């Protein structure tokens, strides 16, 4: 299965890392930036694949991330994953939390 990985923007990072969710699933691009597509079996596999030591052990991702205005290499709490089925999942302190299209959350 293919997954699209979205990292929090620097402006949203202090809120997302503390568990705040995007405003709505349709407005993900206001709080997150698309990083890359990952092929994996499960969400946990995506999270592991997006740790810096896995996908950028020698700083390979630095120019990609800087070009997107991002400041963190490893996936963390608050970052998002969109599945092939258009499901949106946000990394939480206890796994992943699904956001449903149209749901509203406080940011």
N, C-alpha and C. Protein backbone atom coordinates (compact mmCIF):
# COMPACT_ATOMS: atom_id res chain seq x y z
N UNK A 1 0.86 -1.18 0.00
CA UNK A 1 0.00 0.00 0.00
C UNK A 1 0.90 1.24 0.00
N UNK A 2 0.44 2.29 -0.67
CA UNK A 2 1.18 3.55 -0.71
C UNK A 2 0.58 4.53 0.29
N UNK A 3 1.46 5.25 0.96
CA UNK A 3 1.07 6.24 1.95
C UNK A 3 1.73 7.57 1.62
N UNK A 4 1.00 8.66 1.77
CA UNK A 4 1.57 9.99 1.62
C UNK A 4 1.88 10.54 3.01
N UNK A 5 3.12 10.96 3.18
CA UNK A 5 3.60 11.45 4.47
C UNK A 5 3.58 12.98 4.47
N UNK A 6 2.98 13.54 5.49
CA UNK A 6 2.88 14.99 5.67
C UNK A 6 3.50 15.36 7.02
N UNK A 7 4.43 16.31 7.01
CA UNK A 7 5.05 16.80 8.25
C UNK A 7 4.45 18.14 8.64
N UNK A 8 4.40 18.39 9.93
CA UNK A 8 3.91 19.67 10.43
C UNK A 8 4.82 20.81 9.97
N UNK A 9 4.20 21.94 9.66
CA UNK A 9 4.96 23.13 9.34
C UNK A 9 5.58 23.68 10.63
N UNK A 10 6.65 24.44 10.54
CA UNK A 10 7.26 25.01 11.75
C UNK A 10 6.29 25.81 12.60
N UNK A 11 5.35 26.54 11.97
CA UNK A 11 4.38 27.33 12.74
C UNK A 11 3.44 26.45 13.55
N UNK A 12 3.07 25.30 13.02
CA UNK A 12 2.14 24.41 13.71
C UNK A 12 2.85 23.43 14.65
N UNK A 13 4.14 23.22 14.44
CA UNK A 13 4.89 22.20 15.19
C UNK A 13 4.70 22.30 16.71
N UNK A 14 4.83 23.48 17.34
CA UNK A 14 4.68 23.53 18.80
C UNK A 14 3.31 23.05 19.29
N UNK A 15 2.29 23.22 18.47
CA UNK A 15 0.94 22.79 18.83
C UNK A 15 0.74 21.30 18.54
N UNK A 16 1.18 20.87 17.36
CA UNK A 16 1.01 19.47 16.95
C UNK A 16 1.76 18.51 17.83
N UNK A 17 2.98 18.88 18.23
CA UNK A 17 3.80 18.01 19.08
C UNK A 17 3.13 17.80 20.44
N UNK A 18 2.25 18.74 20.82
CA UNK A 18 1.53 18.63 22.08
C UNK A 18 0.17 17.96 21.92
N UNK A 19 -0.13 17.48 20.71
CA UNK A 19 -1.36 16.73 20.50
C UNK A 19 -2.49 17.46 19.82
N UNK A 20 -2.29 18.73 19.48
CA UNK A 20 -3.35 19.44 18.74
C UNK A 20 -3.46 18.86 17.35
N UNK A 21 -4.66 18.86 16.80
CA UNK A 21 -4.92 18.30 15.48
C UNK A 21 -5.13 19.40 14.46
N UNK A 22 -4.99 19.08 13.18
CA UNK A 22 -5.28 20.08 12.13
C UNK A 22 -6.69 20.62 12.28
N UNK A 23 -6.94 21.81 11.71
CA UNK A 23 -8.26 22.44 11.80
C UNK A 23 -9.35 21.51 11.29
N UNK A 24 -9.19 20.99 10.10
CA UNK A 24 -10.07 19.98 9.53
C UNK A 24 -9.22 19.14 8.59
N UNK A 25 -9.71 17.99 8.24
CA UNK A 25 -8.96 17.13 7.34
C UNK A 25 -8.79 17.78 5.96
N UNK A 26 -9.78 18.57 5.52
CA UNK A 26 -9.68 19.22 4.22
C UNK A 26 -8.64 20.33 4.21
N UNK A 27 -8.26 20.83 5.37
CA UNK A 27 -7.32 21.94 5.46
C UNK A 27 -5.95 21.48 5.94
N UNK A 28 -5.61 20.23 5.70
CA UNK A 28 -4.33 19.68 6.14
C UNK A 28 -3.16 20.52 5.65
N UNK A 29 -3.24 21.03 4.43
CA UNK A 29 -2.12 21.79 3.87
C UNK A 29 -1.88 23.12 4.58
N UNK A 30 -2.79 23.54 5.45
CA UNK A 30 -2.57 24.77 6.23
C UNK A 30 -1.66 24.52 7.43
N UNK A 31 -1.55 23.28 7.85
CA UNK A 31 -0.75 22.96 9.04
C UNK A 31 0.37 21.97 8.75
N UNK A 32 0.32 21.33 7.57
CA UNK A 32 1.28 20.29 7.21
C UNK A 32 1.75 20.47 5.77
N UNK A 33 2.90 19.89 5.47
CA UNK A 33 3.47 19.91 4.13
C UNK A 33 3.75 18.48 3.68
N UNK A 34 3.37 18.17 2.43
CA UNK A 34 3.65 16.85 1.88
C UNK A 34 5.16 16.65 1.79
N UNK A 35 5.64 15.48 2.28
CA UNK A 35 7.07 15.17 2.25
C UNK A 35 7.38 14.16 1.16
N UNK A 36 6.74 12.99 1.22
CA UNK A 36 7.03 11.95 0.24
C UNK A 36 6.02 10.82 0.34
N UNK A 37 6.05 9.97 -0.66
CA UNK A 37 5.23 8.76 -0.68
C UNK A 37 6.08 7.60 -0.19
N UNK A 38 5.47 6.75 0.64
CA UNK A 38 6.16 5.59 1.19
C UNK A 38 5.32 4.35 0.89
N UNK A 39 5.97 3.29 0.47
CA UNK A 39 5.27 2.02 0.28
C UNK A 39 5.54 1.18 1.52
N UNK A 40 4.44 0.69 2.13
CA UNK A 40 4.56 -0.07 3.37
C UNK A 40 3.30 -0.91 3.57
N UNK A 41 3.36 -1.80 4.55
CA UNK A 41 2.21 -2.66 4.87
C UNK A 41 1.25 -2.01 5.86
N UNK A 42 1.81 -1.27 6.84
CA UNK A 42 1.01 -0.73 7.94
C UNK A 42 1.49 0.67 8.30
N UNK A 43 0.68 1.39 9.05
CA UNK A 43 1.05 2.72 9.52
C UNK A 43 2.34 2.67 10.34
N UNK A 44 2.48 1.65 11.19
CA UNK A 44 3.70 1.52 11.99
C UNK A 44 4.94 1.43 11.11
N UNK A 45 4.81 0.74 9.97
CA UNK A 45 5.93 0.61 9.05
C UNK A 45 6.29 1.97 8.43
N UNK A 46 5.28 2.78 8.16
CA UNK A 46 5.53 4.13 7.63
C UNK A 46 6.28 4.94 8.67
N UNK A 47 5.82 4.88 9.92
CA UNK A 47 6.48 5.63 10.98
C UNK A 47 7.95 5.23 11.10
N UNK A 48 8.22 3.94 11.09
CA UNK A 48 9.60 3.47 11.19
C UNK A 48 10.43 3.88 9.97
N UNK A 49 9.83 3.80 8.79
CA UNK A 49 10.55 4.18 7.57
C UNK A 49 10.90 5.67 7.55
N UNK A 50 10.11 6.48 8.25
CA UNK A 50 10.33 7.92 8.24
C UNK A 50 11.17 8.42 9.42
N UNK A 51 11.85 7.53 10.11
CA UNK A 51 12.82 7.95 11.12
C UNK A 51 14.10 8.33 10.40
N UNK A 52 14.74 9.39 10.83
CA UNK A 52 15.90 9.93 10.16
C UNK A 52 16.99 8.91 9.88
N UNK A 53 17.24 8.02 10.83
CA UNK A 53 18.30 7.03 10.64
C UNK A 53 17.97 6.03 9.54
N UNK A 54 16.69 5.94 9.16
CA UNK A 54 16.27 5.03 8.08
C UNK A 54 16.30 5.70 6.71
N UNK A 55 15.67 6.87 6.60
CA UNK A 55 15.52 7.46 5.27
C UNK A 55 16.52 8.57 4.98
N UNK A 56 17.29 8.96 5.99
CA UNK A 56 18.29 10.01 5.78
C UNK A 56 19.48 9.82 6.71
N UNK A 57 20.10 8.64 6.70
CA UNK A 57 21.17 8.38 7.66
C UNK A 57 22.39 9.30 7.50
N UNK A 58 22.59 9.84 6.32
CA UNK A 58 23.74 10.72 6.08
C UNK A 58 23.30 12.12 5.67
N UNK A 59 22.09 12.50 6.08
CA UNK A 59 21.58 13.83 5.77
C UNK A 59 21.03 14.00 4.36
N UNK A 60 20.72 12.89 3.69
CA UNK A 60 20.21 12.94 2.32
C UNK A 60 18.93 13.77 2.19
N UNK A 61 18.12 13.82 3.23
CA UNK A 61 16.83 14.51 3.15
C UNK A 61 16.93 16.00 3.45
N UNK A 62 18.08 16.46 3.85
CA UNK A 62 18.22 17.87 4.28
C UNK A 62 17.73 18.85 3.22
N UNK A 63 18.19 18.71 1.98
CA UNK A 63 17.79 19.69 0.95
C UNK A 63 16.30 19.58 0.64
N UNK A 64 15.74 18.37 0.62
CA UNK A 64 14.31 18.19 0.39
C UNK A 64 13.52 18.92 1.47
N UNK A 65 13.86 18.68 2.73
CA UNK A 65 13.13 19.28 3.85
C UNK A 65 13.29 20.79 3.88
N UNK A 66 14.52 21.28 3.69
CA UNK A 66 14.74 22.73 3.68
C UNK A 66 13.97 23.38 2.54
N UNK A 67 13.93 22.72 1.38
CA UNK A 67 13.19 23.26 0.23
C UNK A 67 11.70 23.36 0.48
N UNK A 68 11.19 22.55 1.39
CA UNK A 68 9.77 22.57 1.75
C UNK A 68 9.51 23.43 2.99
N UNK A 69 10.58 24.02 3.53
CA UNK A 69 10.43 24.86 4.72
C UNK A 69 10.23 24.08 6.00
N UNK A 70 10.63 22.82 6.01
CA UNK A 70 10.47 21.97 7.19
C UNK A 70 11.76 21.90 7.99
N UNK A 71 11.63 21.57 9.28
CA UNK A 71 12.79 21.60 10.15
C UNK A 71 13.05 20.29 10.88
N UNK A 72 12.22 19.27 10.68
CA UNK A 72 12.48 18.00 11.36
C UNK A 72 12.54 16.86 10.35
N UNK A 73 13.45 15.93 10.62
CA UNK A 73 13.69 14.81 9.71
C UNK A 73 12.86 13.60 10.07
N UNK A 74 12.79 13.27 11.34
CA UNK A 74 12.08 12.06 11.79
C UNK A 74 10.61 12.36 12.04
N UNK A 75 9.75 11.44 11.59
CA UNK A 75 8.31 11.55 11.85
C UNK A 75 8.08 11.55 13.35
N UNK A 76 7.15 12.38 13.80
CA UNK A 76 6.89 12.54 15.22
C UNK A 76 5.41 12.79 15.48
N UNK A 77 5.04 12.88 16.75
CA UNK A 77 3.67 13.19 17.15
C UNK A 77 3.22 14.47 16.44
N UNK A 78 2.05 14.40 15.81
CA UNK A 78 1.49 15.54 15.10
C UNK A 78 1.64 15.47 13.59
N UNK A 79 2.59 14.66 13.11
CA UNK A 79 2.73 14.48 11.66
C UNK A 79 1.59 13.60 11.16
N UNK A 80 1.35 13.61 9.84
CA UNK A 80 0.17 12.95 9.29
C UNK A 80 0.53 11.97 8.17
N UNK A 81 -0.36 11.00 8.00
CA UNK A 81 -0.23 9.99 6.95
C UNK A 81 -1.58 9.88 6.25
N UNK A 82 -1.56 9.94 4.91
CA UNK A 82 -2.78 9.76 4.12
C UNK A 82 -2.63 8.45 3.35
N UNK A 83 -3.62 7.57 3.48
CA UNK A 83 -3.57 6.26 2.83
C UNK A 83 -4.08 6.33 1.40
N UNK A 84 -3.89 5.23 0.67
CA UNK A 84 -4.45 5.08 -0.69
C UNK A 84 -5.96 5.32 -0.69
N UNK A 85 -6.60 4.94 0.40
CA UNK A 85 -8.07 5.05 0.52
C UNK A 85 -8.50 6.44 0.98
N UNK A 86 -7.56 7.39 1.01
CA UNK A 86 -7.82 8.77 1.43
C UNK A 86 -8.15 8.89 2.92
N UNK A 87 -7.76 7.89 3.70
CA UNK A 87 -7.90 8.00 5.16
C UNK A 87 -6.76 8.87 5.67
N UNK A 88 -7.06 9.72 6.63
CA UNK A 88 -6.05 10.60 7.22
C UNK A 88 -5.80 10.18 8.66
N UNK A 89 -4.54 9.90 8.96
CA UNK A 89 -4.12 9.49 10.29
C UNK A 89 -3.07 10.46 10.80
N UNK A 90 -3.16 10.83 12.08
CA UNK A 90 -2.18 11.70 12.71
C UNK A 90 -1.45 10.88 13.77
N UNK A 91 -0.13 11.01 13.80
CA UNK A 91 0.67 10.33 14.82
C UNK A 91 0.31 10.92 16.17
N UNK A 92 -0.01 10.05 17.13
CA UNK A 92 -0.33 10.49 18.48
C UNK A 92 0.67 9.86 19.45
N UNK A 93 0.56 10.24 20.69
CA UNK A 93 1.48 9.68 21.69
C UNK A 93 1.21 8.20 21.95
N UNK A 94 0.05 7.72 21.49
CA UNK A 94 -0.31 6.30 21.68
C UNK A 94 -0.65 5.62 20.37
N UNK A 95 0.08 5.92 19.33
CA UNK A 95 -0.18 5.29 18.04
C UNK A 95 -0.62 6.31 17.01
N UNK A 96 -1.82 6.08 16.45
CA UNK A 96 -2.34 6.93 15.39
C UNK A 96 -3.80 7.25 15.66
N UNK A 97 -4.21 8.47 15.32
CA UNK A 97 -5.60 8.88 15.46
C UNK A 97 -6.13 9.22 14.08
N UNK A 98 -7.27 8.63 13.72
CA UNK A 98 -7.85 8.89 12.41
C UNK A 98 -8.70 10.15 12.44
N UNK A 99 -8.56 10.98 11.41
CA UNK A 99 -9.43 12.13 11.21
C UNK A 99 -10.37 11.77 10.08
N UNK A 100 -11.62 12.10 10.22
CA UNK A 100 -12.62 11.79 9.20
C UNK A 100 -12.86 13.05 8.38
N UNK A 101 -12.96 12.90 7.06
CA UNK A 101 -13.19 14.05 6.19
C UNK A 101 -14.41 14.81 6.69
N UNK A 102 -14.23 16.10 6.87
CA UNK A 102 -15.33 16.95 7.32
C UNK A 102 -15.35 17.17 8.82
N UNK A 103 -14.64 16.33 9.58
CA UNK A 103 -14.59 16.54 11.03
C UNK A 103 -13.82 17.83 11.33
N UNK A 104 -14.23 18.51 12.36
CA UNK A 104 -13.55 19.75 12.77
C UNK A 104 -12.83 19.49 14.09
N UNK A 105 -11.61 20.01 14.16
CA UNK A 105 -10.81 19.87 15.36
C UNK A 105 -10.25 21.23 15.72
N UNK A 106 -10.01 21.44 16.99
CA UNK A 106 -9.37 22.68 17.42
C UNK A 106 -7.87 22.55 17.19
N UNK A 107 -7.26 23.58 16.69
CA UNK A 107 -5.81 23.56 16.47
C UNK A 107 -5.12 24.45 17.47
